[in-house]
Amino acid sequence: MDQFKSEEITVETEGGRFTGFLARPDSSAPKVLVYHAWWGLTPFFKDLSRRLANAGFAVFAPDLYDAKTAGTIQEAETMLEHRDLERHNFIAVSAIQWMLEQPSSYPGLGLIGFSMGGSWSLALSSRFPEAIKAVVLFYGSGEADYSKILARFQGHFGGQDEWTPQSDIEYMEAGMRPNGVRYEFFTYPEAQHWFLETNRPEYRAQDAQLAWERTVKFLSEELKGESSK
């Protein structure tokens, strides 16, 4: 039996309102935000939030697209092309600020970002360096001020990924290494983009399971202080 509650919520802030999916245990738990891929906040990302809550985390997945979702790559490309970047930024940042206000016995936040959401997670880690302790990137890359980042990173990438090629990963590493950013990146040789997402044809069960186990272990170590034994 699941030992957590989950619901869609509306968050009210001075700057406006936004929605998201909240899943959390009854007791105090480390806090994690999930930033979805360009499909929007689809059932997969809600289910993943439930899985994280079942693993002992308080999880909030903000809806960057205000309830709009895409079922195909073409639809997702159109949504991305016409997105309101200012609105996305407001939601992404406000979700961090709201989550920081939620009670917990555990300091700091964890972020998990998928593709487009990975880009947001990377950027946010340099905007909120004191708050963000751990970041997991799933086939996502982007820009950040690496000199400000204090979080530790874990990344999961596909060896056959045409959307996030090896050059993108190397570019991130070139920014992280000289600035002392701690990271561990895993490449799954036969995997493509979106390999963790069960509703996608690129889904690879064995790679997804290993990546999930590594993610939960990483977040437990960084946010709960659990031993890696």
C-alpha atoms as a PDB file:
ATOM      1  CA  MET A   1       0.000   0.000   0.000  1.00  0.00           C
ATOM      2  CA  ASP A   2       1.313   3.438  -0.941  1.00  0.00           C
ATOM      3  CA  GLN A   3       2.234   5.560   2.057  1.00  0.00           C
ATOM      4  CA  PHE A   4       1.788   8.960   0.451  1.00  0.00           C
ATOM      5  CA  LYS A   5      -0.794  11.425  -0.788  1.00  0.00           C
ATOM      6  CA  SER A   6      -0.907  12.873  -4.287  1.00  0.00           C
ATOM      7  CA  GLU A   7      -2.983  15.614  -5.872  1.00  0.00           C
ATOM      8  CA  GLU A   8      -3.029  18.335  -8.472  1.00  0.00           C
ATOM      9  CA  ILE A   9      -2.702  21.721  -6.799  1.00  0.00           C
ATOM     10  CA  THR A  10      -2.806  25.428  -7.629  1.00  0.00           C
ATOM     11  CA  VAL A  11      -0.103  27.597  -6.108  1.00  0.00           C
ATOM     12  CA  GLU A  12      -0.910  31.255  -5.415  1.00  0.00           C
ATOM     13  CA  THR A  13       1.978  33.750  -5.352  1.00  0.00           C
ATOM     14  CA  GLU A  14       2.264  37.513  -5.412  1.00  0.00           C
ATOM     15  CA  GLY A  15       3.292  37.279  -9.051  1.00  0.00           C
ATOM     16  CA  GLY A  16       0.451  35.014 -10.140  1.00  0.00           C
ATOM     17  CA  ARG A  17      -0.722  31.446  -9.957  1.00  0.00           C
ATOM     18  CA  PHE A  18       0.346  28.158 -11.491  1.00  0.00           C
ATOM     19  CA  THR A  19      -0.495  24.498 -11.146  1.00  0.00           C
ATOM     20  CA  GLY A  20       1.435  21.311 -10.555  1.00  0.00           C
ATOM     21  CA  PHE A  21       1.327  17.791  -9.192  1.00  0.00           C
ATOM     22  CA  LEU A  22       2.217  17.151  -5.559  1.00  0.00           C
ATOM     23  CA  ALA A  23       3.037  13.736  -4.074  1.00  0.00           C
ATOM     24  CA  ARG A  24       4.388  13.411  -0.553  1.00  0.00           C
ATOM     25  CA  PRO A  25       4.548  11.027   2.395  1.00  0.00           C
ATOM     26  CA  ASP A  26       2.625  11.817   5.555  1.00  0.00           C
ATOM     27  CA  SER A  27       5.863  12.280   7.490  1.00  0.00           C
ATOM     28  CA  SER A  28       8.657  14.777   6.879  1.00  0.00           C
ATOM     29  CA  ALA A  29      10.686  13.946   3.773  1.00  0.00           C
ATOM     30  CA  PRO A  30      13.409  15.469   1.592  1.00  0.00           C
ATOM     31  CA  LYS A  31      11.987  17.754  -1.086  1.00  0.00           C
ATOM     32  CA  VAL A  32      12.387  17.133  -4.826  1.00  0.00           C
ATOM     33  CA  LEU A  33      11.090  19.034  -7.844  1.00  0.00           C
ATOM     34  CA  VAL A  34      10.458  17.292 -11.165  1.00  0.00           C
ATOM     35  CA  TYR A  35      10.757  19.392 -14.332  1.00  0.00           C
ATOM     36  CA  HIS A  36       8.995  17.653 -17.202  1.00  0.00           C
ATOM     37  CA  ALA A  37      10.121  17.263 -20.804  1.00  0.00           C
ATOM     38  CA  TRP A  38       8.609  19.196 -23.690  1.00  0.00           C
ATOM     39  CA  TRP A  39       5.534  16.947 -23.705  1.00  0.00           C
ATOM     40  CA  GLY A  40       4.126  18.908 -20.765  1.00  0.00           C
ATOM     41  CA  LEU A  41       3.016  17.495 -17.432  1.00  0.00           C
ATOM     42  CA  THR A  42       1.757  14.181 -18.823  1.00  0.00           C
ATOM     43  CA  PRO A  43       0.620  11.137 -16.809  1.00  0.00           C
ATOM     44  CA  PHE A  44       4.148   9.696 -17.003  1.00  0.00           C
ATOM     45  CA  PHE A  45       5.639  12.557 -14.977  1.00  0.00           C
ATOM     46  CA  LYS A  46       2.825  12.337 -12.444  1.00  0.00           C
ATOM     47  CA  ASP A  47       3.423   8.605 -12.091  1.00  0.00           C
ATOM     48  CA  LEU A  48       7.145   9.211 -11.678  1.00  0.00           C
ATOM     49  CA  SER A  49       6.385  11.726  -8.930  1.00  0.00           C
ATOM     50  CA  ARG A  50       4.314   9.065  -7.169  1.00  0.00           C
ATOM     51  CA  ARG A  51       7.202   6.604  -7.460  1.00  0.00           C
ATOM     52  CA  LEU A  52       9.542   9.116  -5.877  1.00  0.00           C
ATOM     53  CA  ALA A  53       7.074   9.770  -3.065  1.00  0.00           C
ATOM     54  CA  ASN A  54       6.810   6.042  -2.501  1.00  0.00           C
ATOM     55  CA  ALA A  55      10.619   6.034  -2.181  1.00  0.00           C
ATOM     56  CA  GLY A  56      10.400   8.573   0.629  1.00  0.00           C
ATOM     57  CA  PHE A  57      10.532  12.000  -1.019  1.00  0.00           C
ATOM     58  CA  ALA A  58       8.149  14.961  -1.036  1.00  0.00           C
ATOM     59  CA  VAL A  59       7.753  15.701  -4.744  1.00  0.00           C
ATOM     60  CA  PHE A  60       6.339  18.640  -6.681  1.00  0.00           C
ATOM     61  CA  ALA A  61       6.147  18.685 -10.486  1.00  0.00           C
ATOM     62  CA  PRO A  62       5.270  22.196 -11.739  1.00  0.00           C
ATOM     63  CA  ASP A  63       3.287  22.418 -14.960  1.00  0.00           C
ATOM     64  CA  LEU A  64       5.332  24.691 -17.226  1.00  0.00           C
ATOM     65  CA  TYR A  65       2.756  24.519 -20.018  1.00  0.00           C
ATOM     66  CA  ASP A  66      -0.392  25.308 -17.985  1.00  0.00           C
ATOM     67  CA  ALA A  67      -2.147  21.991 -18.726  1.00  0.00           C
ATOM     68  CA  LYS A  68      -1.199  21.803 -22.408  1.00  0.00           C
ATOM     69  CA  THR A  69       0.378  18.509 -23.479  1.00  0.00           C
ATOM     70  CA  ALA A  70       1.772  16.987 -26.660  1.00  0.00           C
ATOM     71  CA  GLY A  71       1.509  13.409 -27.863  1.00  0.00           C
ATOM     72  CA  THR A  72       3.900  13.597 -30.819  1.00  0.00           C
ATOM     73  CA  ILE A  73       7.262  15.147 -31.531  1.00  0.00           C
ATOM     74  CA  GLN A  74       5.671  17.536 -34.025  1.00  0.00           C
ATOM     75  CA  GLU A  75       3.141  18.723 -31.436  1.00  0.00           C
ATOM     76  CA  ALA A  76       5.905  19.141 -28.857  1.00  0.00           C
ATOM     77  CA  GLU A  77       8.036  21.124 -31.291  1.00  0.00           C
ATOM     78  CA  THR A  78       5.093  23.429 -31.986  1.00  0.00           C
ATOM     79  CA  MET A  79       4.468  23.928 -28.271  1.00  0.00           C
ATOM     80  CA  LEU A  80       8.126  24.726 -27.681  1.00  0.00           C
ATOM     81  CA  GLU A  81       8.245  27.137 -30.610  1.00  0.00           C
ATOM     82  CA  HIS A  82       5.231  29.064 -29.311  1.00  0.00           C
ATOM     83  CA  ARG A  83       5.933  28.865 -25.591  1.00  0.00           C
ATOM     84  CA  ASP A  84       5.830  31.931 -23.395  1.00  0.00           C
ATOM     85  CA  LEU A  85       9.393  31.891 -22.054  1.00  0.00           C
ATOM     86  CA  GLU A  86       8.620  34.538 -19.440  1.00  0.00           C
ATOM     87  CA  ARG A  87       5.737  32.402 -18.157  1.00  0.00           C
ATOM     88  CA  HIS A  88       7.942  29.296 -18.092  1.00  0.00           C
ATOM     89  CA  ASN A  89      10.554  31.182 -16.107  1.00  0.00           C
ATOM     90  CA  PHE A  90       7.965  32.446 -13.640  1.00  0.00           C
ATOM     91  CA  ILE A  91       6.645  28.929 -13.003  1.00  0.00           C
ATOM     92  CA  ALA A  92      10.085  27.291 -12.819  1.00  0.00           C
ATOM     93  CA  VAL A  93      11.393  29.856 -10.338  1.00  0.00           C
ATOM     94  CA  SER A  94       8.193  30.148  -8.309  1.00  0.00           C
ATOM     95  CA  ALA A  95       8.095  26.374  -7.870  1.00  0.00           C
ATOM     96  CA  ILE A  96      11.529  26.522  -6.238  1.00  0.00           C
ATOM     97  CA  GLN A  97      10.470  29.357  -3.965  1.00  0.00           C
ATOM     98  CA  TRP A  98       7.220  27.648  -2.990  1.00  0.00           C
ATOM     99  CA  MET A  99       8.909  24.332  -2.295  1.00  0.00           C
ATOM    100  CA  LEU A 100      11.486  26.014  -0.080  1.00  0.00           C
ATOM    101  CA  GLU A 101       8.634  27.294   2.084  1.00  0.00           C
ATOM    102  CA  GLN A 102       7.228  23.807   2.665  1.00  0.00           C
ATOM    103  CA  PRO A 103       8.153  22.273   6.040  1.00  0.00           C
ATOM    104  CA  SER A 104      10.751  19.510   6.142  1.00  0.00           C
ATOM    105  CA  SER A 105      13.352  18.146   8.526  1.00  0.00           C
ATOM    106  CA  TYR A 106      15.761  17.964   5.593  1.00  0.00           C
ATOM    107  CA  PRO A 107      17.492  21.109   4.282  1.00  0.00           C
ATOM    108  CA  GLY A 108      17.802  21.897   0.613  1.00  0.00           C
ATOM    109  CA  LEU A 109      16.155  20.679  -2.555  1.00  0.00           C
ATOM    110  CA  GLY A 110      16.721  18.061  -5.214  1.00  0.00           C
ATOM    111  CA  LEU A 111      15.829  18.577  -8.876  1.00  0.00           C
ATOM    112  CA  ILE A 112      15.130  16.025 -11.589  1.00  0.00           C
ATOM    113  CA  GLY A 113      14.911  17.397 -15.112  1.00  0.00           C
ATOM    114  CA  PHE A 114      13.953  15.608 -18.318  1.00  0.00           C
ATOM    115  CA  SER A 115      15.293  16.970 -21.623  1.00  0.00           C
ATOM    116  CA  MET A 116      13.827  20.513 -21.681  1.00  0.00           C
ATOM    117  CA  GLY A 117      13.310  20.184 -17.935  1.00  0.00           C
ATOM    118  CA  GLY A 118      16.965  19.265 -17.619  1.00  0.00           C
ATOM    119  CA  SER A 119      17.913  22.605 -19.134  1.00  0.00           C
ATOM    120  CA  TRP A 120      15.762  24.346 -16.548  1.00  0.00           C
ATOM    121  CA  SER A 121      17.256  22.280 -13.729  1.00  0.00           C
ATOM    122  CA  LEU A 122      20.777  23.128 -14.811  1.00  0.00           C
ATOM    123  CA  ALA A 123      20.048  26.858 -15.000  1.00  0.00           C
ATOM    124  CA  LEU A 124      18.144  26.892 -11.697  1.00  0.00           C
ATOM    125  CA  SER A 125      21.018  25.220  -9.871  1.00  0.00           C
ATOM    126  CA  SER A 126      23.147  28.305 -10.502  1.00  0.00           C
ATOM    127  CA  ARG A 127      20.324  30.714  -9.630  1.00  0.00           C
ATOM    128  CA  PHE A 128      19.595  29.038  -6.280  1.00  0.00           C
ATOM    129  CA  PRO A 129      22.992  27.600  -5.318  1.00  0.00           C
ATOM    130  CA  GLU A 130      22.424  27.631  -1.560  1.00  0.00           C
ATOM    131  CA  ALA A 131      19.080  25.860  -1.852  1.00  0.00           C
ATOM    132  CA  ILE A 132      19.726  23.157  -4.453  1.00  0.00           C
ATOM    133  CA  LYS A 133      21.832  20.255  -3.218  1.00  0.00           C
ATOM    134  CA  ALA A 134      21.347  17.581  -5.891  1.00  0.00           C
ATOM    135  CA  VAL A 135      20.369  17.566  -9.569  1.00  0.00           C
ATOM    136  CA  VAL A 136      19.550  14.611 -11.800  1.00  0.00           C
ATOM    137  CA  LEU A 137      19.590  15.202 -15.551  1.00  0.00           C
ATOM    138  CA  PHE A 138      17.817  12.813 -17.885  1.00  0.00           C
ATOM    139  CA  TYR A 139      19.062  13.427 -21.441  1.00  0.00           C
ATOM    140  CA  GLY A 140      19.070  17.163 -20.799  1.00  0.00           C
ATOM    141  CA  SER A 141      21.758  19.799 -21.199  1.00  0.00           C
ATOM    142  CA  GLY A 142      21.985  23.560 -21.330  1.00  0.00           C
ATOM    143  CA  GLU A 143      23.649  26.680 -19.991  1.00  0.00           C
ATOM    144  CA  ALA A 144      24.513  27.663 -16.422  1.00  0.00           C
ATOM    145  CA  ASP A 145      26.945  29.762 -14.435  1.00  0.00           C
ATOM    146  CA  TYR A 146      29.046  26.869 -13.174  1.00  0.00           C
ATOM    147  CA  SER A 147      31.071  29.117 -10.890  1.00  0.00           C
ATOM    148  CA  LYS A 148      27.993  29.526  -8.670  1.00  0.00           C
ATOM    149  CA  ILE A 149      26.798  25.913  -8.509  1.00  0.00           C
ATOM    150  CA  LEU A 150      27.128  24.052  -5.221  1.00  0.00           C
ATOM    151  CA  ALA A 151      24.916  21.061  -6.050  1.00  0.00           C
ATOM    152  CA  ARG A 152      26.140  17.625  -6.994  1.00  0.00           C
ATOM    153  CA  PHE A 153      24.963  16.277 -10.359  1.00  0.00           C
ATOM    154  CA  GLN A 154      24.025  12.910 -11.758  1.00  0.00           C
ATOM    155  CA  GLY A 155      23.284  12.519 -15.468  1.00  0.00           C
ATOM    156  CA  HIS A 156      21.730   9.756 -17.578  1.00  0.00           C
ATOM    157  CA  PHE A 157      22.295   9.834 -21.323  1.00  0.00           C
ATOM    158  CA  GLY A 158      21.708   7.577 -24.285  1.00  0.00           C
ATOM    159  CA  GLY A 159      24.571   6.467 -26.468  1.00  0.00           C
ATOM    160  CA  GLN A 160      22.270   6.638 -29.527  1.00  0.00           C
ATOM    161  CA  ASP A 161      20.751  10.002 -28.616  1.00  0.00           C
ATOM    162  CA  GLU A 162      20.532  12.369 -31.604  1.00  0.00           C
ATOM    163  CA  TRP A 163      18.856  15.100 -29.552  1.00  0.00           C
ATOM    164  CA  THR A 164      21.537  15.337 -26.863  1.00  0.00           C
ATOM    165  CA  PRO A 165      24.779  14.252 -28.578  1.00  0.00           C
ATOM    166  CA  GLN A 166      28.031  13.472 -26.808  1.00  0.00           C
ATOM    167  CA  SER A 167      29.312  16.942 -27.689  1.00  0.00           C
ATOM    168  CA  ASP A 168      26.592  18.489 -25.483  1.00  0.00           C
ATOM    169  CA  ILE A 169      27.641  16.303 -22.561  1.00  0.00           C
ATOM    170  CA  GLU A 170      31.299  17.173 -23.057  1.00  0.00           C
ATOM    171  CA  TYR A 171      30.366  20.861 -23.152  1.00  0.00           C
ATOM    172  CA  MET A 172      28.727  20.564 -19.726  1.00  0.00           C
ATOM    173  CA  GLU A 173      31.700  18.655 -18.358  1.00  0.00           C
ATOM    174  CA  ALA A 174      34.050  21.372 -19.642  1.00  0.00           C
ATOM    175  CA  GLY A 175      32.094  23.890 -17.601  1.00  0.00           C
ATOM    176  CA  MET A 176      31.780  21.751 -14.489  1.00  0.00           C
ATOM    177  CA  ARG A 177      35.319  20.438 -14.085  1.00  0.00           C
ATOM    178  CA  PRO A 178      37.280  23.703 -13.749  1.00  0.00           C
ATOM    179  CA  ASN A 179      34.650  25.069 -11.357  1.00  0.00           C
ATOM    180  CA  GLY A 180      34.775  22.081  -9.042  1.00  0.00           C
ATOM    181  CA  VAL A 181      31.200  20.945  -9.707  1.00  0.00           C
ATOM    182  CA  ARG A 182      30.816  17.359  -8.544  1.00  0.00           C
ATOM    183  CA  TYR A 183      29.146  15.131 -11.101  1.00  0.00           C
ATOM    184  CA  GLU A 184      28.740  11.580 -12.312  1.00  0.00           C
ATOM    185  CA  PHE A 185      27.399  10.970 -15.798  1.00  0.00           C
ATOM    186  CA  PHE A 186      26.179   7.597 -17.032  1.00  0.00           C
ATOM    187  CA  THR A 187      25.802   6.656 -20.693  1.00  0.00           C
ATOM    188  CA  TYR A 188      23.563   3.764 -21.738  1.00  0.00           C
ATOM    189  CA  PRO A 189      25.119   2.629 -25.028  1.00  0.00           C
ATOM    190  CA  GLU A 190      21.996   1.412 -26.848  1.00  0.00           C
ATOM    191  CA  ALA A 191      19.563   3.984 -25.444  1.00  0.00           C
ATOM    192  CA  GLN A 192      18.040   6.902 -27.287  1.00  0.00           C
ATOM    193  CA  HIS A 193      16.428  10.093 -26.001  1.00  0.00           C
ATOM    194  CA  TRP A 194      13.409   9.568 -23.689  1.00  0.00           C
ATOM    195  CA  PHE A 195      14.559   6.044 -22.790  1.00  0.00           C
ATOM    196  CA  LEU A 196      13.158   6.311 -19.252  1.00  0.00           C
ATOM    197  CA  GLU A 197       9.647   7.261 -20.367  1.00  0.00           C
ATOM    198  CA  THR A 198       7.367   4.246 -20.417  1.00  0.00           C
ATOM    199  CA  ASN A 199       4.921   5.810 -22.883  1.00  0.00           C
ATOM    200  CA  ARG A 200       7.584   6.374 -25.528  1.00  0.00           C
ATOM    201  CA  PRO A 201       8.799   3.911 -28.199  1.00  0.00           C
ATOM    202  CA  GLU A 202      12.380   4.739 -27.118  1.00  0.00           C
ATOM    203  CA  TYR A 203      11.724   3.277 -23.663  1.00  0.00           C
ATOM    204  CA  ARG A 204      14.290   0.652 -22.647  1.00  0.00           C
ATOM    205  CA  ALA A 205      13.181  -1.253 -19.567  1.00  0.00           C
ATOM    206  CA  GLN A 206      16.585  -2.521 -18.417  1.00  0.00           C
ATOM    207  CA  ASP A 207      18.322   0.838 -18.847  1.00  0.00           C
ATOM    208  CA  ALA A 208      15.385   2.659 -17.256  1.00  0.00           C
ATOM    209  CA  GLN A 209      15.443   0.405 -14.213  1.00  0.00           C
ATOM    210  CA  LEU A 210      19.176   0.883 -13.688  1.00  0.00           C
ATOM    211  CA  ALA A 211      18.889   4.652 -14.136  1.00  0.00           C
ATOM    212  CA  TRP A 212      16.008   4.769 -11.664  1.00  0.00           C
ATOM    213  CA  GLU A 213      17.920   2.789  -9.044  1.00  0.00           C
ATOM    214  CA  ARG A 214      20.911   5.090  -9.451  1.00  0.00           C
ATOM    215  CA  THR A 215      18.660   8.145  -9.157  1.00  0.00           C
ATOM    216  CA  VAL A 216      16.970   7.045  -5.924  1.00  0.00           C
ATOM    217  CA  LYS A 217      20.303   6.054  -4.393  1.00  0.00           C
ATOM    218  CA  PHE A 218      21.871   9.380  -5.383  1.00  0.00           C
ATOM    219  CA  LEU A 219      19.009  11.463  -3.987  1.00  0.00           C
ATOM    220  CA  SER A 220      18.963   9.419  -0.795  1.00  0.00           C
ATOM    221  CA  GLU A 221      22.673  10.031  -0.259  1.00  0.00           C
ATOM    222  CA  GLU A 222      22.580  13.731  -1.086  1.00  0.00           C
ATOM    223  CA  LEU A 223      19.279  14.732   0.515  1.00  0.00           C
ATOM    224  CA  LYS A 224      18.793  12.180   3.279  1.00  0.00           C
ATOM    225  CA  GLY A 225      22.459  11.681   4.120  1.00  0.00           C
ATOM    226  CA  GLU A 226      22.084   7.930   3.771  1.00  0.00           C
ATOM    227  CA  SER A 227      25.198   5.788   3.447  1.00  0.00           C
ATOM    228  CA  SER A 228      26.093   4.455   0.014  1.00  0.00           C
ATOM    229  CA  LYS A 229      26.701   0.989   1.440  1.00  0.00           C
END
